[in-house]
PDB file of N, CA and C in Angstrom:
ATOM      1  N   MET A   1       0.827  -1.194   0.000  1.00  0.00           N
ATOM      2  CA  MET A   1       0.000   0.000   0.000  1.00  0.00           C
ATOM      3  C   MET A   1       0.870   1.257   0.000  1.00  0.00           C
ATOM      4  N   ARG A   2       1.942   1.270   0.797  1.00  0.00           N
ATOM      5  CA  ARG A   2       2.841   2.425   0.839  1.00  0.00           C
ATOM      6  C   ARG A   2       3.409   2.699  -0.537  1.00  0.00           C
ATOM      7  N   PHE A   3       3.863   1.645  -1.234  1.00  0.00           N
ATOM      8  CA  PHE A   3       4.446   1.810  -2.566  1.00  0.00           C
ATOM      9  C   PHE A   3       3.444   2.456  -3.514  1.00  0.00           C
ATOM     10  N   VAL A   4       2.232   1.964  -3.536  1.00  0.00           N
ATOM     11  CA  VAL A   4       1.206   2.495  -4.432  1.00  0.00           C
ATOM     12  C   VAL A   4       0.900   3.949  -4.093  1.00  0.00           C
ATOM     13  N   ALA A   5       0.674   4.240  -2.818  1.00  0.00           N
ATOM     14  CA  ALA A   5       0.318   5.600  -2.398  1.00  0.00           C
ATOM     15  C   ALA A   5       1.425   6.599  -2.698  1.00  0.00           C
ATOM     16  N   ALA A   6       2.667   6.160  -2.613  1.00  0.00           N
ATOM     17  CA  ALA A   6       3.783   7.096  -2.783  1.00  0.00           C
ATOM     18  C   ALA A   6       4.326   7.151  -4.204  1.00  0.00           C
ATOM     19  N   THR A   7       4.114   6.129  -5.014  1.00  0.00           N
ATOM     20  CA  THR A   7       4.805   6.112  -6.296  1.00  0.00           C
ATOM     21  C   THR A   7       3.944   5.997  -7.544  1.00  0.00           C
ATOM     22  N   VAL A   8       2.781   5.411  -7.470  1.00  0.00           N
ATOM     23  CA  VAL A   8       1.974   5.235  -8.676  1.00  0.00           C
ATOM     24  C   VAL A   8       1.464   6.600  -9.140  1.00  0.00           C
ATOM     25  N   PRO A   9       1.754   6.974 -10.397  1.00  0.00           N
ATOM     26  CA  PRO A   9       1.412   8.324 -10.886  1.00  0.00           C
ATOM     27  C   PRO A   9      -0.054   8.472 -11.285  1.00  0.00           C
ATOM     28  N   MET A  10      -0.923   8.427 -10.293  1.00  0.00           N
ATOM     29  CA  MET A  10      -2.343   8.661 -10.530  1.00  0.00           C
ATOM     30  C   MET A  10      -2.900   9.417  -9.330  1.00  0.00           C
ATOM     31  N   PRO A  11      -3.941  10.228  -9.536  1.00  0.00           N
ATOM     32  CA  PRO A  11      -4.511  10.955  -8.392  1.00  0.00           C
ATOM     33  C   PRO A  11      -5.041   9.990  -7.342  1.00  0.00           C
ATOM     34  N   TRP A  12      -4.907  10.380  -6.085  1.00  0.00           N
ATOM     35  CA  TRP A  12      -5.466   9.573  -5.011  1.00  0.00           C
ATOM     36  C   TRP A  12      -6.986   9.657  -5.083  1.00  0.00           C
ATOM     37  N   PRO A  13      -7.679   8.607  -4.691  1.00  0.00           N
ATOM     38  CA  PRO A  13      -9.146   8.633  -4.744  1.00  0.00           C
ATOM     39  C   PRO A  13      -9.728   9.577  -3.693  1.00  0.00           C
ATOM     40  N   ARG A  14     -10.892  10.089  -3.992  1.00  0.00           N
ATOM     41  CA  ARG A  14     -11.602  10.943  -3.036  1.00  0.00           C
ATOM     42  C   ARG A  14     -12.367  10.087  -2.050  1.00  0.00           C
ATOM     43  N   GLY A  15     -12.589  10.629  -0.865  1.00  0.00           N
ATOM     44  CA  GLY A  15     -13.461   9.982   0.105  1.00  0.00           C
ATOM     45  C   GLY A  15     -12.825   8.893   0.948  1.00  0.00           C
ATOM     46  N   VAL A  16     -11.510   8.688   0.819  1.00  0.00           N
ATOM     47  CA  VAL A  16     -10.842   7.680   1.637  1.00  0.00           C
ATOM     48  C   VAL A  16     -10.657   8.260   3.034  1.00  0.00           C
ATOM     49  N   ALA A  17     -11.062   7.528   4.046  1.00  0.00           N
ATOM     50  CA  ALA A  17     -10.963   8.014   5.426  1.00  0.00           C
ATOM     51  C   ALA A  17      -9.505   8.229   5.821  1.00  0.00           C
ATOM     52  N   THR A  18      -9.271   9.230   6.652  1.00  0.00           N
ATOM     53  CA  THR A  18      -7.934   9.524   7.145  1.00  0.00           C
ATOM     54  C   THR A  18      -7.829   9.083   8.603  1.00  0.00           C
ATOM     55  N   VAL A  19      -6.628   9.147   9.143  1.00  0.00           N
ATOM     56  CA  VAL A  19      -6.439   8.795  10.547  1.00  0.00           C
ATOM     57  C   VAL A  19      -7.094   9.872  11.421  1.00  0.00           C
ATOM     58  N   ALA A  20      -7.568   9.491  12.599  1.00  0.00           N
ATOM     59  CA  ALA A  20      -8.319  10.407  13.469  1.00  0.00           C
ATOM     60  C   ALA A  20      -7.548  11.678  13.800  1.00  0.00           C
ATOM     61  N   GLU A  21      -6.225  11.576  14.017  1.00  0.00           N
ATOM     62  CA  GLU A  21      -5.460  12.773  14.400  1.00  0.00           C
ATOM     63  C   GLU A  21      -5.349  13.803  13.283  1.00  0.00           C
ATOM     64  N   ALA A  22      -5.707  13.429  12.051  1.00  0.00           N
ATOM     65  CA  ALA A  22      -5.673  14.367  10.937  1.00  0.00           C
ATOM     66  C   ALA A  22      -7.074  14.760  10.459  1.00  0.00           C
ATOM     67  N   ASP A  23      -8.102  14.116  10.972  1.00  0.00           N
ATOM     68  CA  ASP A  23      -9.475  14.365  10.541  1.00  0.00           C
ATOM     69  C   ASP A  23     -10.012  15.614  11.228  1.00  0.00           C
ATOM     70  N   GLN A  24     -10.336  16.639  10.438  1.00  0.00           N
ATOM     71  CA  GLN A  24     -10.799  17.902  11.018  1.00  0.00           C
ATOM     72  C   GLN A  24     -12.122  17.766  11.751  1.00  0.00           C
ATOM     73  N   GLU A  25     -12.866  16.700  11.505  1.00  0.00           N
ATOM     74  CA  GLU A  25     -14.124  16.491  12.215  1.00  0.00           C
ATOM     75  C   GLU A  25     -13.933  15.695  13.499  1.00  0.00           C
ATOM     76  N   LYS A  26     -12.713  15.236  13.742  1.00  0.00           N
ATOM     77  CA  LYS A  26     -12.422  14.496  14.975  1.00  0.00           C
ATOM     78  C   LYS A  26     -11.425  15.308  15.789  1.00  0.00           C
ATOM     79  N   SER A  27     -10.142  14.927  15.779  1.00  0.00           N
ATOM     80  CA  SER A  27      -9.173  15.670  16.589  1.00  0.00           C
ATOM     81  C   SER A  27      -8.189  16.494  15.754  1.00  0.00           C
ATOM     82  N   GLY A  28      -8.425  16.612  14.448  1.00  0.00           N
ATOM     83  CA  GLY A  28      -7.556  17.410  13.585  1.00  0.00           C
ATOM     84  C   GLY A  28      -7.870  18.887  13.676  1.00  0.00           C
ATOM     85  N   THR A  29      -7.165  19.683  12.904  1.00  0.00           N
ATOM     86  CA  THR A  29      -7.331  21.133  12.896  1.00  0.00           C
ATOM     87  C   THR A  29      -8.609  21.534  12.172  1.00  0.00           C
ATOM     88  N   GLN A  30      -9.385  22.390  12.794  1.00  0.00           N
ATOM     89  CA  GLN A  30     -10.600  22.902  12.171  1.00  0.00           C
ATOM     90  C   GLN A  30     -10.231  23.928  11.093  1.00  0.00           C
ATOM     91  N   PRO A  31     -11.007  24.017   9.996  1.00  0.00           N
ATOM     92  CA  PRO A  31     -10.708  25.012   8.965  1.00  0.00           C
ATOM     93  C   PRO A  31     -10.947  26.422   9.484  1.00  0.00           C
ATOM     94  N   GLY A  32     -10.202  27.361   8.925  1.00  0.00           N
ATOM     95  CA  GLY A  32     -10.339  28.761   9.313  1.00  0.00           C
ATOM     96  C   GLY A  32     -10.306  29.635   8.075  1.00  0.00           C
ATOM     97  N   ASP A  33      -9.594  30.753   8.134  1.00  0.00           N
ATOM     98  CA  ASP A  33      -9.418  31.637   6.995  1.00  0.00           C
ATOM     99  C   ASP A  33      -8.491  30.958   5.986  1.00  0.00           C
ATOM    100  N   PHE A  34      -8.920  30.836   4.724  1.00  0.00           N
ATOM    101  CA  PHE A  34      -8.177  30.068   3.732  1.00  0.00           C
ATOM    102  C   PHE A  34      -6.753  30.596   3.534  1.00  0.00           C
ATOM    103  N   ALA A  35      -6.595  31.916   3.354  1.00  0.00           N
ATOM    104  CA  ALA A  35      -5.258  32.489   3.131  1.00  0.00           C
ATOM    105  C   ALA A  35      -4.348  32.232   4.334  1.00  0.00           C
ATOM    106  N   GLU A  36      -4.884  32.371   5.531  1.00  0.00           N
ATOM    107  CA  GLU A  36      -4.098  32.098   6.733  1.00  0.00           C
ATOM    108  C   GLU A  36      -3.737  30.617   6.818  1.00  0.00           C
ATOM    109  N   ASP A  37      -4.696  29.759   6.450  1.00  0.00           N
ATOM    110  CA  ASP A  37      -4.433  28.316   6.473  1.00  0.00           C
ATOM    111  C   ASP A  37      -3.338  27.936   5.480  1.00  0.00           C
ATOM    112  N   VAL A  38      -3.344  28.554   4.297  1.00  0.00           N
ATOM    113  CA  VAL A  38      -2.302  28.274   3.293  1.00  0.00           C
ATOM    114  C   VAL A  38      -0.942  28.710   3.830  1.00  0.00           C
ATOM    115  N   GLN A  39      -0.872  29.887   4.444  1.00  0.00           N
ATOM    116  CA  GLN A  39       0.398  30.363   5.002  1.00  0.00           C
ATOM    117  C   GLN A  39       0.874  29.440   6.119  1.00  0.00           C
ATOM    118  N   LYS A  40      -0.037  29.023   6.974  1.00  0.00           N
ATOM    119  CA  LYS A  40       0.315  28.102   8.060  1.00  0.00           C
ATOM    120  C   LYS A  40       0.812  26.775   7.482  1.00  0.00           C
ATOM    121  N   LEU A  41       0.181  26.290   6.420  1.00  0.00           N
ATOM    122  CA  LEU A  41       0.635  25.061   5.765  1.00  0.00           C
ATOM    123  C   LEU A  41       2.069  25.203   5.286  1.00  0.00           C
ATOM    124  N   ARG A  42       2.385  26.329   4.677  1.00  0.00           N
ATOM    125  CA  ARG A  42       3.769  26.564   4.226  1.00  0.00           C
ATOM    126  C   ARG A  42       4.737  26.521   5.400  1.00  0.00           C
ATOM    127  N   GLU A  43       4.363  27.168   6.491  1.00  0.00           N
ATOM    128  CA  GLU A  43       5.238  27.220   7.667  1.00  0.00           C
ATOM    129  C   GLU A  43       5.443  25.833   8.277  1.00  0.00           C
ATOM    130  N   VAL A  44       4.371  25.081   8.460  1.00  0.00           N
ATOM    131  CA  VAL A  44       4.530  23.769   9.090  1.00  0.00           C
ATOM    132  C   VAL A  44       5.227  22.783   8.155  1.00  0.00           C
ATOM    133  N   THR A  45       5.037  22.942   6.845  1.00  0.00           N
ATOM    134  CA  THR A  45       5.740  22.090   5.886  1.00  0.00           C
ATOM    135  C   THR A  45       7.243  22.341   5.952  1.00  0.00           C
ATOM    136  N   GLU A  46       7.641  23.606   5.959  1.00  0.00           N
ATOM    137  CA  GLU A  46       9.064  23.941   6.063  1.00  0.00           C
ATOM    138  C   GLU A  46       9.644  23.436   7.383  1.00  0.00           C
ATOM    139  N   ALA A  47       8.913  23.589   8.477  1.00  0.00           N
ATOM    140  CA  ALA A  47       9.383  23.114   9.783  1.00  0.00           C
ATOM    141  C   ALA A  47       9.514  21.592   9.780  1.00  0.00           C
ATOM    142  N   PHE A  48       8.540  20.905   9.206  1.00  0.00           N
ATOM    143  CA  PHE A  48       8.583  19.446   9.142  1.00  0.00           C
ATOM    144  C   PHE A  48       9.797  18.971   8.357  1.00  0.00           C
ATOM    145  N   VAL A  49      10.007  19.557   7.185  1.00  0.00           N
ATOM    146  CA  VAL A  49      11.133  19.145   6.340  1.00  0.00           C
ATOM    147  C   VAL A  49      12.459  19.417   7.037  1.00  0.00           C
ATOM    148  N   SER A  50      12.567  20.527   7.741  1.00  0.00           N
ATOM    149  CA  SER A  50      13.832  20.856   8.401  1.00  0.00           C
ATOM    150  C   SER A  50      14.140  19.909   9.565  1.00  0.00           C
ATOM    151  N   ARG A  51      13.098  19.296  10.146  1.00  0.00           N
ATOM    152  CA  ARG A  51      13.304  18.379  11.281  1.00  0.00           C
ATOM    153  C   ARG A  51      13.131  16.909  10.916  1.00  0.00           C
ATOM    154  N   LEU A  52      12.893  16.623   9.641  1.00  0.00           N
ATOM    155  CA  LEU A  52      12.641  15.244   9.216  1.00  0.00           C
ATOM    156  C   LEU A  52      13.807  14.333   9.558  1.00  0.00           C
ATOM    157  N   ASP A  53      13.535  13.328  10.350  1.00  0.00           N
ATOM    158  CA  ASP A  53      14.536  12.332  10.729  1.00  0.00           C
ATOM    159  C   ASP A  53      13.947  10.947  10.473  1.00  0.00           C
ATOM    160  N   PRO A  54      14.204  10.375   9.285  1.00  0.00           N
ATOM    161  CA  PRO A  54      13.610   9.082   8.948  1.00  0.00           C
ATOM    162  C   PRO A  54      14.003   7.952   9.892  1.00  0.00           C
ATOM    163  N   GLU A  55      15.058   8.134  10.643  1.00  0.00           N
ATOM    164  CA  GLU A  55      15.487   7.090  11.582  1.00  0.00           C
ATOM    165  C   GLU A  55      14.530   6.966  12.768  1.00  0.00           C
ATOM    166  N   THR A  56      13.898   8.073  13.146  1.00  0.00           N
ATOM    167  CA  THR A  56      13.040   8.051  14.335  1.00  0.00           C
ATOM    168  C   THR A  56      11.565   8.314  14.043  1.00  0.00           C
ATOM    169  N   MET A  57      11.264   8.905  12.892  1.00  0.00           N
ATOM    170  CA  MET A  57       9.874   9.253  12.584  1.00  0.00           C
ATOM    171  C   MET A  57       9.163   8.090  11.898  1.00  0.00           C
ATOM    172  N   ARG A  58       7.915   7.900  12.274  1.00  0.00           N
ATOM    173  CA  ARG A  58       7.097   6.840  11.675  1.00  0.00           C
ATOM    174  C   ARG A  58       5.797   7.454  11.166  1.00  0.00           C
ATOM    175  N   HIS A  59       5.413   7.092   9.971  1.00  0.00           N
ATOM    176  CA  HIS A  59       4.131   7.521   9.415  1.00  0.00           C
ATOM    177  C   HIS A  59       3.036   6.722  10.130  1.00  0.00           C
ATOM    178  N   PRO A  60       1.879   7.340  10.462  1.00  0.00           N
ATOM    179  CA  PRO A  60       0.859   6.612  11.215  1.00  0.00           C
ATOM    180  C   PRO A  60       0.268   5.408  10.479  1.00  0.00           C
ATOM    181  N   ILE A  61       0.341   5.381   9.157  1.00  0.00           N
ATOM    182  CA  ILE A  61      -0.176   4.245   8.390  1.00  0.00           C
ATOM    183  C   ILE A  61       0.956   3.400   7.816  1.00  0.00           C
ATOM    184  N   PHE A  62       1.974   4.043   7.234  1.00  0.00           N
ATOM    185  CA  PHE A  62       3.018   3.338   6.493  1.00  0.00           C
ATOM    186  C   PHE A  62       4.242   2.967   7.310  1.00  0.00           C
ATOM    187  N   GLY A  63       4.334   3.450   8.538  1.00  0.00           N
ATOM    188  CA  GLY A  63       5.482   3.114   9.374  1.00  0.00           C
ATOM    189  C   GLY A  63       6.746   3.838   8.942  1.00  0.00           C
ATOM    190  N   ARG A  64       7.889   3.154   9.040  1.00  0.00           N
ATOM    191  CA  ARG A  64       9.170   3.777   8.691  1.00  0.00           C
ATOM    192  C   ARG A  64       9.267   4.005   7.193  1.00  0.00           C
ATOM    193  N   MET A  65       9.775   5.187   6.840  1.00  0.00           N
ATOM    194  CA  MET A  65       9.987   5.519   5.428  1.00  0.00           C
ATOM    195  C   MET A  65      11.314   6.246   5.308  1.00  0.00           C
ATOM    196  N   SER A  66      11.942   6.115   4.151  1.00  0.00           N
ATOM    197  CA  SER A  66      13.186   6.832   3.880  1.00  0.00           C
ATOM    198  C   SER A  66      12.886   8.316   3.656  1.00  0.00           C
ATOM    199  N   ARG A  67      13.923   9.140   3.623  1.00  0.00           N
ATOM    200  CA  ARG A  67      13.751  10.568   3.343  1.00  0.00           C
ATOM    201  C   ARG A  67      13.083  10.749   1.971  1.00  0.00           C
ATOM    202  N   ALA A  68      13.510   9.969   0.982  1.00  0.00           N
ATOM    203  CA  ALA A  68      12.921  10.061  -0.353  1.00  0.00           C
ATOM    204  C   ALA A  68      11.441   9.667  -0.327  1.00  0.00           C
ATOM    205  N   GLN A  69      11.096   8.628   0.422  1.00  0.00           N
ATOM    206  CA  GLN A  69       9.696   8.216   0.520  1.00  0.00           C
ATOM    207  C   GLN A  69       8.855   9.281   1.210  1.00  0.00           C
ATOM    208  N   TRP A  70       9.400   9.886   2.279  1.00  0.00           N
ATOM    209  CA  TRP A  70       8.686  10.972   2.949  1.00  0.00           C
ATOM    210  C   TRP A  70       8.461  12.123   1.975  1.00  0.00           C
ATOM    211  N   GLY A  71       9.467  12.469   1.207  1.00  0.00           N
ATOM    212  CA  GLY A  71       9.346  13.569   0.254  1.00  0.00           C
ATOM    213  C   GLY A  71       8.292  13.291  -0.797  1.00  0.00           C
ATOM    214  N   ARG A  72       8.334  12.099  -1.368  1.00  0.00           N
ATOM    215  CA  ARG A  72       7.362  11.731  -2.392  1.00  0.00           C
ATOM    216  C   ARG A  72       5.953  11.681  -1.797  1.00  0.00           C
ATOM    217  N   TRP A  73       5.819  11.069  -0.619  1.00  0.00           N
ATOM    218  CA  TRP A  73       4.518  10.992   0.017  1.00  0.00           C
ATOM    219  C   TRP A  73       3.997  12.398   0.326  1.00  0.00           C
ATOM    220  N   GLY A  74       4.851  13.265   0.848  1.00  0.00           N
ATOM    221  CA  GLY A  74       4.438  14.633   1.167  1.00  0.00           C
ATOM    222  C   GLY A  74       3.967  15.383  -0.061  1.00  0.00           C
ATOM    223  N   TYR A  75       4.710  15.237  -1.161  1.00  0.00           N
ATOM    224  CA  TYR A  75       4.301  15.884  -2.409  1.00  0.00           C
ATOM    225  C   TYR A  75       2.932  15.373  -2.844  1.00  0.00           C
ATOM    226  N   ARG A  76       2.761  14.063  -2.836  1.00  0.00           N
ATOM    227  CA  ARG A  76       1.498  13.469  -3.280  1.00  0.00           C
ATOM    228  C   ARG A  76       0.344  13.893  -2.369  1.00  0.00           C
ATOM    229  N   HIS A  77       0.592  13.958  -1.074  1.00  0.00           N
ATOM    230  CA  HIS A  77      -0.450  14.332  -0.116  1.00  0.00           C
ATOM    231  C   HIS A  77      -0.889  15.780  -0.337  1.00  0.00           C
ATOM    232  N   ILE A  78       0.072  16.678  -0.454  1.00  0.00           N
ATOM    233  CA  ILE A  78      -0.274  18.087  -0.670  1.00  0.00           C
ATOM    234  C   ILE A  78      -0.959  18.251  -2.026  1.00  0.00           C
ATOM    235  N   ASP A  79      -0.470  17.552  -3.048  1.00  0.00           N
ATOM    236  CA  ASP A  79      -1.093  17.613  -4.369  1.00  0.00           C
ATOM    237  C   ASP A  79      -2.548  17.152  -4.293  1.00  0.00           C
ATOM    238  N   HIS A  80      -2.786  16.084  -3.571  1.00  0.00           N
ATOM    239  CA  HIS A  80      -4.150  15.549  -3.403  1.00  0.00           C
ATOM    240  C   HIS A  80      -5.081  16.613  -2.823  1.00  0.00           C
ATOM    241  N   HIS A  81      -4.646  17.293  -1.774  1.00  0.00           N
ATOM    242  CA  HIS A  81      -5.501  18.299  -1.146  1.00  0.00           C
ATOM    243  C   HIS A  81      -5.571  19.576  -1.970  1.00  0.00           C
ATOM    244  N   ALA A  82      -4.507  19.950  -2.641  1.00  0.00           N
ATOM    245  CA  ALA A  82      -4.547  21.149  -3.502  1.00  0.00           C
ATOM    246  C   ALA A  82      -5.576  20.963  -4.613  1.00  0.00           C
ATOM    247  N   ARG A  83      -5.674  19.757  -5.150  1.00  0.00           N
ATOM    248  CA  ARG A  83      -6.672  19.489  -6.196  1.00  0.00           C
ATOM    249  C   ARG A  83      -8.091  19.654  -5.657  1.00  0.00           C
ATOM    250  N   GLN A  84      -8.293  19.382  -4.372  1.00  0.00           N
ATOM    251  CA  GLN A  84      -9.626  19.562  -3.795  1.00  0.00           C
ATOM    252  C   GLN A  84     -10.069  21.024  -3.857  1.00  0.00           C
ATOM    253  N   PHE A  85      -9.097  21.939  -3.829  1.00  0.00           N
ATOM    254  CA  PHE A  85      -9.396  23.366  -3.842  1.00  0.00           C
ATOM    255  C   PHE A  85      -9.122  24.012  -5.200  1.00  0.00           C
ATOM    256  N   GLY A  86      -8.845  23.179  -6.194  1.00  0.00           N
ATOM    257  CA  GLY A  86      -8.591  23.702  -7.536  1.00  0.00           C
ATOM    258  C   GLY A  86      -7.273  24.430  -7.657  1.00  0.00           C
ATOM    259  N   LEU A  87      -6.306  24.115  -6.811  1.00  0.00           N
ATOM    260  CA  LEU A  87      -4.997  24.775  -6.862  1.00  0.00           C
ATOM    261  C   LEU A  87      -4.031  24.032  -7.745  1.00  0.00           C
TER     262      LEU A  87
END
């Protein structure tokens, strides 16, 4: 599943449930002002990348991933959500 989600060049399907800690209707971040949310996304993305340590970090679904896998997964994840907003 990790290989497909991170490498197969096709859009991710819509409507697939996410983990509870990322679900805005459960314990994730509630939506706010769109422009502020985009700026915050940029800030947290830069902070995440600067602290990325594949030796100690585990993805909640895929487990351990290399730096390259984290990068590819991150790109695909952001692309998936950007398409939801027509970006």
